[in-house]
Amino acid sequence: PPIPGLSRKFTLNEARRNLSRGDHIAVDRAFHFSHHGIYTGDGFVIEYGSNKEIHYTTLENFLDSSHYIYKVDSEAIYKPEKIVERAKSRLYERDYSVFGNNCEQFARWCRNGD
């Protein structure tokens, strides 16, 4: 798959059992694109949605038509609580840019400030 830094792929049920708060997760999308978010640890994900706004969604909605949820091995300099806190601090932001502020960059920023 086109998602760099993969550590493991999960079905939805496996993801519910194995993901941890603050994990950087991703799914495959059409045309070899991937979509990224931060798992909040309670069955929800904070993501840049299709409306170009950062919001909460369920794991089911995040998975969409994909078959697997991937845990991405992105560097984390923050503890899980801080990662989720950083993600929440940007809720409802509508500053999406495919090149400069996309869903993968958002997830990496939450974990390591980049």
Protein backbone atom coordinates (compact mmCIF):
# COMPACT_ATOMS: atom_id res chain seq x y z
CA PRO A 1 0.00 0.00 0.00
CA PRO A 2 1.09 3.60 -0.52
CA ILE A 3 1.16 4.40 3.20
CA PRO A 4 4.74 4.92 4.42
CA GLY A 5 5.94 3.68 7.81
CA LEU A 6 3.34 0.98 8.32
CA SER A 7 3.66 -1.20 11.35
CA ARG A 8 0.51 -3.31 11.12
CA LYS A 9 -2.84 -3.48 9.41
CA PHE A 10 -6.07 -4.27 11.24
CA THR A 11 -9.63 -5.11 10.37
CA LEU A 12 -12.16 -2.88 12.11
CA ASN A 13 -12.66 -5.35 14.97
CA GLU A 14 -8.91 -5.87 15.36
CA ALA A 15 -8.39 -2.10 15.38
CA ARG A 16 -10.87 -1.71 18.23
CA ARG A 17 -8.85 -4.21 20.28
CA ASN A 18 -5.31 -3.20 19.33
CA LEU A 19 -5.09 0.53 18.72
CA SER A 20 -4.01 2.84 21.51
CA ARG A 21 -4.86 6.42 22.37
CA GLY A 22 -2.71 8.79 20.33
CA ASP A 23 -1.92 6.32 17.53
CA HIS A 24 -1.39 7.70 14.05
CA ILE A 25 -3.67 5.65 11.80
CA ALA A 26 -4.36 5.59 8.08
CA VAL A 27 -6.54 3.95 5.45
CA ASP A 28 -6.19 3.50 1.70
CA ARG A 29 -8.31 5.71 -0.52
CA ALA A 30 -8.98 5.74 -4.24
CA PHE A 31 -6.21 6.42 -6.75
CA HIS A 32 -3.43 5.29 -4.35
CA PHE A 33 -4.07 8.07 -1.86
CA SER A 34 -4.15 7.50 1.87
CA HIS A 35 -6.11 9.21 4.61
CA HIS A 36 -4.68 9.82 8.10
CA GLY A 37 -5.95 10.63 11.57
CA ILE A 38 -5.30 10.37 15.29
CA TYR A 39 -7.04 7.63 17.27
CA THR A 40 -8.53 9.02 20.49
CA GLY A 41 -8.74 5.66 22.23
CA ASP A 42 -12.50 5.41 22.55
CA GLY A 43 -13.61 4.27 19.11
CA PHE A 44 -13.18 7.73 17.62
CA VAL A 45 -10.68 9.40 15.34
CA ILE A 46 -9.83 13.07 14.86
CA GLU A 47 -9.28 13.73 11.17
CA TYR A 48 -9.39 16.27 8.39
CA GLY A 49 -12.72 15.27 6.86
CA SER A 50 -13.95 15.46 3.30
CA ASN A 51 -15.42 18.88 4.13
CA LYS A 52 -11.82 20.05 4.78
CA GLU A 53 -12.53 20.52 8.48
CA ILE A 54 -10.88 18.77 11.44
CA HIS A 55 -13.53 16.85 13.36
CA TYR A 56 -14.33 13.66 15.27
CA THR A 57 -15.48 10.59 13.40
CA THR A 58 -15.98 6.96 14.31
CA LEU A 59 -13.54 4.21 13.37
CA GLU A 60 -16.27 2.85 11.07
CA ASN A 61 -16.60 6.15 9.22
CA PHE A 62 -12.84 6.59 9.08
CA LEU A 63 -12.51 3.13 7.51
CA ASP A 64 -15.15 4.05 4.89
CA SER A 65 -14.83 1.62 1.97
CA SER A 66 -11.29 0.55 2.86
CA HIS A 67 -10.59 -2.96 4.10
CA TYR A 68 -7.94 -2.21 6.72
CA ILE A 69 -6.87 0.42 9.21
CA TYR A 70 -3.10 0.82 9.36
CA LYS A 71 -1.10 1.90 12.38
CA VAL A 72 1.58 4.27 11.09
CA ASP A 73 5.00 4.32 12.74
CA SER A 74 5.39 8.07 12.87
CA GLU A 75 7.74 9.57 15.43
CA ALA A 76 6.10 10.66 18.67
CA ILE A 77 7.77 13.07 21.03
CA TYR A 78 4.57 13.55 23.05
CA LYS A 79 2.76 11.16 25.35
CA PRO A 80 -0.62 9.81 24.16
CA GLU A 81 -2.68 12.25 26.27
CA LYS A 82 -0.75 15.20 24.83
CA ILE A 83 -1.13 13.88 21.27
CA VAL A 84 -4.91 13.73 21.64
CA GLU A 85 -4.92 17.13 23.37
CA ARG A 86 -3.01 18.60 20.40
CA ALA A 87 -5.48 17.03 17.96
CA LYS A 88 -8.43 18.44 19.94
CA SER A 89 -6.82 21.89 19.94
CA ARG A 90 -7.33 22.03 16.18
CA LEU A 91 -10.94 20.77 16.08
CA TYR A 92 -13.09 22.64 13.54
CA GLU A 93 -10.07 24.14 11.81
CA ARG A 94 -10.78 24.68 8.12
CA ASP A 95 -7.28 25.37 6.85
CA TYR A 96 -6.76 22.28 4.65
CA SER A 97 -4.19 22.34 1.86
CA VAL A 98 -3.24 19.23 -0.09
CA PHE A 99 0.39 20.41 -0.19
CA GLY A 100 0.87 22.34 3.03
CA ASN A 101 -1.67 21.26 5.65
CA ASN A 102 -3.16 17.89 4.83
CA CYS A 103 -4.40 14.99 6.96
CA GLU A 104 -1.01 13.26 7.15
CA GLN A 105 0.75 16.47 8.16
CA PHE A 106 -1.93 17.05 10.79
CA ALA A 107 -1.37 13.57 12.30
CA ARG A 108 2.41 14.02 12.31
CA TRP A 109 2.08 17.48 13.91
CA CYS A 110 -0.05 16.00 16.69
CA ARG A 111 2.64 13.43 17.48
CA ASN A 112 5.88 15.36 16.97
CA GLY A 113 5.20 19.02 16.23
CA ASP A 114 6.29 18.91 12.58
